[in-house]
Amino acid sequence: MMMNDFVAQFDFAWSWLGLGFALAMFGVLFLTDVFRGNTAKSRLWDGQWFAWLIAPMYMLHQFEEYALHYDWAKLSHPFANMICEKVGYLPYPDCPIPVQHYWLVNMSLWLFAMIGAKFYRKNPMVALAPFGLIFSNGLLHIVGWLVSGNSLLDSASGGTITSILLFIPVSVWLGFVLTKQKVMSVWAYGATLLAGTIGHLILFGAYASLDKGGLVALYTFDLLAIGSPLLWAWLLSRWFLANK
């Protein structure tokens, strides 16, 4: 019973924790030079600063997806129910996808994004690979919203506002900054986004793996989905950064 209570409480709380961390990181990012790579330039022209921006942007996105639409009557997230239904399962409490899956995927992304950011000077493609995850995720949200005809404030559209206002424009602007400053070529940035997109595709495999491989397979795919973009970016960088 105590474990069930903890799961229910943390399922509600984790996206609020993310919001708190996001606000703290935004404060450091915009009010200090801690995450700056070059203080002689504006933050908006600093690739290293953008690498550190990934984690709090995604925390804010997750807050929109989950916390804003939390169903107090059912103590569940409509967004998670929608995912269950899209992959052919019943909504909670009958959905076999454990709610811990959402914590693992989303909170792991915070960690991997910050680990990647530390490598910006050595390998900007690795540092910025999570942009591929947020770029593909943002496109998916926007296309899904346009096709559905739902309001932006509908629970099924959770995550679309941050996709429109943050994910897509920031990703496009960063590509312009990096190519303008010759940090990497257009092709290298495209490969960076591709590395993250591959990770996003692996995430879909996690749901397919549940029926055949159980929870071990699900959690393995979860970690591969979030961690593999850094590996793919490193492998691709051996070609693209050497030939920029």
Protein backbone atom coordinates (compact mmCIF):
# COMPACT_ATOMS: atom_id res chain seq x y z
CA MET A 1 0.00 0.00 0.00
CA MET A 2 2.82 2.38 0.89
CA MET A 3 4.50 1.74 -2.45
CA ASN A 4 1.23 2.32 -4.31
CA ASP A 5 0.79 5.60 -2.44
CA PHE A 6 4.32 6.67 -3.38
CA VAL A 7 3.77 5.82 -7.05
CA ALA A 8 0.51 7.80 -7.15
CA GLN A 9 2.08 10.77 -5.38
CA PHE A 10 5.25 10.85 -7.45
CA ASP A 11 3.26 10.38 -10.65
CA PHE A 12 1.60 13.68 -9.81
CA ALA A 13 4.72 15.38 -8.47
CA TRP A 14 7.48 14.61 -11.00
CA SER A 15 6.38 17.13 -13.63
CA TRP A 16 6.06 19.80 -10.92
CA LEU A 17 9.60 19.00 -9.82
CA GLY A 18 10.64 19.50 -13.42
CA LEU A 19 8.98 22.91 -13.48
CA GLY A 20 10.89 23.90 -10.36
CA PHE A 21 14.21 22.76 -11.85
CA ALA A 22 13.36 24.49 -15.14
CA LEU A 23 12.70 27.84 -13.45
CA ALA A 24 15.95 27.53 -11.48
CA MET A 25 17.94 26.69 -14.64
CA PHE A 26 16.29 29.49 -16.62
CA GLY A 27 17.37 31.85 -13.86
CA VAL A 28 20.98 30.67 -14.09
CA LEU A 29 20.92 30.68 -17.90
CA PHE A 30 19.54 34.18 -18.29
CA LEU A 31 20.94 35.93 -15.23
CA THR A 32 24.46 34.49 -14.96
CA ASP A 33 27.31 33.41 -17.24
CA VAL A 34 27.69 29.94 -15.69
CA PHE A 35 26.60 28.09 -18.84
CA ARG A 36 28.05 30.52 -21.35
CA GLY A 37 30.66 29.43 -23.85
CA ASN A 38 31.57 32.94 -25.06
CA THR A 39 30.61 35.94 -22.96
CA ALA A 40 31.74 38.31 -25.72
CA LYS A 41 28.68 37.31 -27.73
CA SER A 42 24.98 37.44 -27.02
CA ARG A 43 23.45 34.32 -25.50
CA LEU A 44 21.44 33.97 -28.68
CA TRP A 45 24.67 33.38 -30.59
CA ASP A 46 26.22 31.00 -28.08
CA GLY A 47 25.94 27.32 -29.05
CA GLN A 48 27.12 26.08 -25.68
CA TRP A 49 24.41 28.12 -23.94
CA PHE A 50 21.80 26.49 -26.18
CA ALA A 51 23.12 23.04 -25.26
CA TRP A 52 22.30 23.79 -21.61
CA LEU A 53 18.92 25.23 -22.61
CA ILE A 54 17.66 21.82 -23.79
CA ALA A 55 16.94 20.37 -20.34
CA PRO A 56 14.81 23.24 -18.92
CA MET A 57 12.94 23.61 -22.22
CA TYR A 58 11.98 19.96 -22.07
CA MET A 59 11.02 20.22 -18.39
CA LEU A 60 8.64 23.05 -19.30
CA HIS A 61 7.27 20.97 -22.18
CA GLN A 62 6.62 18.03 -19.88
CA PHE A 63 4.81 20.28 -17.43
CA GLU A 64 2.48 21.32 -20.25
CA GLU A 65 1.94 17.71 -21.28
CA TYR A 66 1.27 16.24 -17.87
CA ALA A 67 0.70 18.66 -14.98
CA LEU A 68 -1.53 21.18 -16.73
CA HIS A 69 -4.10 18.54 -17.62
CA TYR A 70 -3.88 16.30 -14.56
CA ASP A 71 -7.23 14.60 -13.86
CA TRP A 72 -7.85 15.05 -10.15
CA ALA A 73 -10.98 12.90 -10.23
CA LYS A 74 -9.13 9.86 -11.64
CA LEU A 75 -5.66 10.73 -10.31
CA SER A 76 -4.16 10.20 -13.75
CA HIS A 77 -2.73 12.06 -16.71
CA PRO A 78 -4.99 12.27 -19.80
CA PHE A 79 -1.83 12.47 -21.94
CA ALA A 80 -0.68 9.08 -20.65
CA ASN A 81 -4.16 7.65 -21.30
CA MET A 82 -3.99 8.95 -24.86
CA ILE A 83 -0.67 7.16 -25.42
CA CYS A 84 -2.15 3.91 -24.10
CA GLU A 85 -5.11 4.19 -26.45
CA LYS A 86 -2.93 5.02 -29.46
CA VAL A 87 -0.89 1.84 -29.00
CA GLY A 88 -3.99 -0.29 -28.56
CA TYR A 89 -4.41 -0.49 -24.80
CA LEU A 90 -7.23 0.49 -22.49
CA PRO A 91 -6.81 3.69 -20.45
CA TYR A 92 -5.55 3.60 -16.86
CA PRO A 93 -5.91 1.76 -14.53
CA ASP A 94 -6.13 -1.03 -17.15
CA CYS A 95 -3.22 0.13 -19.30
CA PRO A 96 -0.21 -2.23 -18.86
CA ILE A 97 2.35 0.57 -19.38
CA PRO A 98 3.59 1.41 -15.87
CA VAL A 99 3.43 5.09 -15.03
CA GLN A 100 7.09 4.82 -14.03
CA HIS A 101 7.85 4.59 -17.74
CA TYR A 102 6.99 8.27 -18.18
CA TRP A 103 9.20 9.30 -15.28
CA LEU A 104 12.12 7.27 -16.60
CA VAL A 105 11.93 8.60 -20.15
CA ASN A 106 11.38 12.23 -19.27
CA MET A 107 13.70 12.54 -16.30
CA SER A 108 16.45 10.58 -18.07
CA LEU A 109 16.29 13.12 -20.87
CA TRP A 110 17.07 15.88 -18.36
CA LEU A 111 20.16 13.95 -17.27
CA PHE A 112 21.40 12.97 -20.74
CA ALA A 113 20.86 16.51 -22.07
CA MET A 114 22.99 17.97 -19.27
CA ILE A 115 25.67 15.29 -19.70
CA GLY A 116 25.78 16.04 -23.42
CA ALA A 117 26.03 19.80 -22.81
CA LYS A 118 29.27 19.29 -20.89
CA PHE A 119 30.88 17.99 -24.10
CA TYR A 120 30.02 21.00 -26.27
CA ARG A 121 33.60 22.23 -26.68
CA LYS A 122 34.89 18.76 -27.55
CA ASN A 123 31.98 17.69 -29.73
CA PRO A 124 29.06 20.05 -30.41
CA MET A 125 27.15 17.35 -32.28
CA VAL A 126 27.02 15.18 -29.16
CA ALA A 127 26.06 18.14 -26.98
CA LEU A 128 23.22 19.15 -29.27
CA ALA A 129 21.92 15.68 -30.21
CA PRO A 130 18.93 16.03 -27.82
CA PHE A 131 17.74 18.84 -30.08
CA GLY A 132 16.85 16.09 -32.54
CA LEU A 133 14.58 14.57 -29.90
CA ILE A 134 12.80 17.82 -29.16
CA PHE A 135 12.63 18.82 -32.83
CA SER A 136 11.01 15.54 -33.91
CA ASN A 137 8.82 15.54 -30.82
CA GLY A 138 7.72 19.10 -31.55
CA LEU A 139 6.85 18.28 -35.15
CA LEU A 140 4.85 15.25 -34.01
CA HIS A 141 2.86 17.37 -31.56
CA ILE A 142 2.13 20.09 -34.11
CA VAL A 143 1.13 17.72 -36.91
CA GLY A 144 -1.03 15.71 -34.52
CA TRP A 145 -2.75 18.88 -33.32
CA LEU A 146 -3.39 20.12 -36.88
CA VAL A 147 -4.82 16.78 -37.99
CA SER A 148 -7.02 16.39 -34.89
CA GLY A 149 -8.65 19.80 -35.05
CA ASN A 150 -8.50 19.99 -31.25
CA SER A 151 -8.02 23.20 -29.32
CA LEU A 152 -4.50 24.00 -28.16
CA LEU A 153 -5.86 23.88 -24.62
CA ASP A 154 -7.33 20.39 -25.03
CA SER A 155 -5.56 17.69 -23.02
CA ALA A 156 -4.91 15.75 -26.23
CA SER A 157 -2.88 18.74 -27.46
CA GLY A 158 -0.64 18.80 -24.37
CA GLY A 159 2.89 19.81 -25.37
CA THR A 160 1.86 21.59 -28.57
CA ILE A 161 2.18 25.14 -27.24
CA THR A 162 5.78 24.64 -26.11
CA SER A 163 6.48 22.87 -29.41
CA ILE A 164 5.27 25.90 -31.37
CA LEU A 165 6.85 28.55 -29.16
CA LEU A 166 10.10 26.81 -28.19
CA PHE A 167 11.05 23.51 -29.80
CA ILE A 168 10.74 24.36 -33.49
CA PRO A 169 11.84 28.03 -33.55
CA VAL A 170 14.79 27.44 -31.20
CA SER A 171 15.94 24.42 -33.23
CA VAL A 172 15.74 26.40 -36.48
CA TRP A 173 17.50 29.43 -35.02
CA LEU A 174 20.27 27.28 -33.56
CA GLY A 175 20.88 25.72 -36.97
CA PHE A 176 21.30 29.23 -38.41
CA VAL A 177 23.68 30.25 -35.61
CA LEU A 178 25.87 27.17 -35.90
CA THR A 179 26.18 27.30 -39.68
CA LYS A 180 26.68 31.09 -39.72
CA GLN A 181 29.55 30.77 -37.25
CA LYS A 182 30.89 27.70 -39.08
CA VAL A 183 30.70 25.58 -35.93
CA MET A 184 29.25 22.90 -38.18
CA SER A 185 27.84 22.60 -41.67
CA VAL A 186 24.17 22.39 -42.55
CA TRP A 187 24.69 18.68 -43.16
CA ALA A 188 26.33 18.22 -39.77
CA TYR A 189 23.46 19.96 -38.01
CA GLY A 190 21.00 17.85 -40.00
CA ALA A 191 22.88 14.75 -38.87
CA THR A 192 22.69 16.01 -35.28
CA LEU A 193 18.92 16.32 -35.54
CA LEU A 194 18.78 12.90 -37.19
CA ALA A 195 20.64 11.33 -34.24
CA GLY A 196 17.96 12.61 -31.88
CA THR A 197 15.16 11.62 -34.23
CA ILE A 198 16.44 8.04 -34.26
CA GLY A 199 16.16 8.05 -30.49
CA HIS A 200 12.58 9.21 -30.76
CA LEU A 201 11.78 6.37 -33.17
CA ILE A 202 13.34 3.86 -30.76
CA LEU A 203 10.90 5.11 -28.14
CA PHE A 204 8.01 3.85 -30.26
CA GLY A 205 9.68 0.45 -30.16
CA ALA A 206 9.40 0.51 -26.38
CA TYR A 207 5.64 0.22 -26.55
CA ALA A 208 5.83 -2.58 -29.11
CA SER A 209 8.31 -4.45 -26.92
CA LEU A 210 6.04 -4.55 -23.87
CA ASP A 211 3.85 -7.43 -25.07
CA LYS A 212 6.78 -9.63 -26.09
CA GLY A 213 9.54 -8.69 -23.66
CA GLY A 214 7.69 -7.33 -20.66
CA LEU A 215 8.90 -4.53 -18.40
CA VAL A 216 12.60 -5.36 -18.87
CA ALA A 217 12.28 -4.80 -22.62
CA LEU A 218 10.22 -1.64 -22.10
CA TYR A 219 12.74 -0.03 -19.76
CA THR A 220 15.66 -1.13 -21.95
CA PHE A 221 14.12 0.57 -24.96
CA ASP A 222 13.40 3.64 -22.82
CA LEU A 223 17.07 4.04 -21.91
CA LEU A 224 18.19 3.32 -25.47
CA ALA A 225 15.80 5.93 -26.81
CA ILE A 226 17.18 8.64 -24.55
CA GLY A 227 20.85 7.65 -24.48
CA SER A 228 21.41 6.52 -28.06
CA PRO A 229 21.26 10.02 -29.66
CA LEU A 230 24.54 10.88 -27.92
CA LEU A 231 26.14 7.72 -29.34
CA TRP A 232 24.72 8.25 -32.84
CA ALA A 233 25.87 11.89 -32.81
CA TRP A 234 29.37 10.83 -31.76
CA LEU A 235 29.57 8.27 -34.56
CA LEU A 236 28.24 10.73 -37.15
CA SER A 237 30.54 13.50 -35.91
CA ARG A 238 33.60 11.46 -36.85
CA TRP A 239 32.63 12.14 -40.46
CA PHE A 240 30.76 15.42 -40.43
CA LEU A 241 32.99 17.45 -38.10
CA ALA A 242 36.10 16.23 -39.89
CA ASN A 243 34.63 17.38 -43.21
CA LYS A 244 32.78 20.57 -42.25
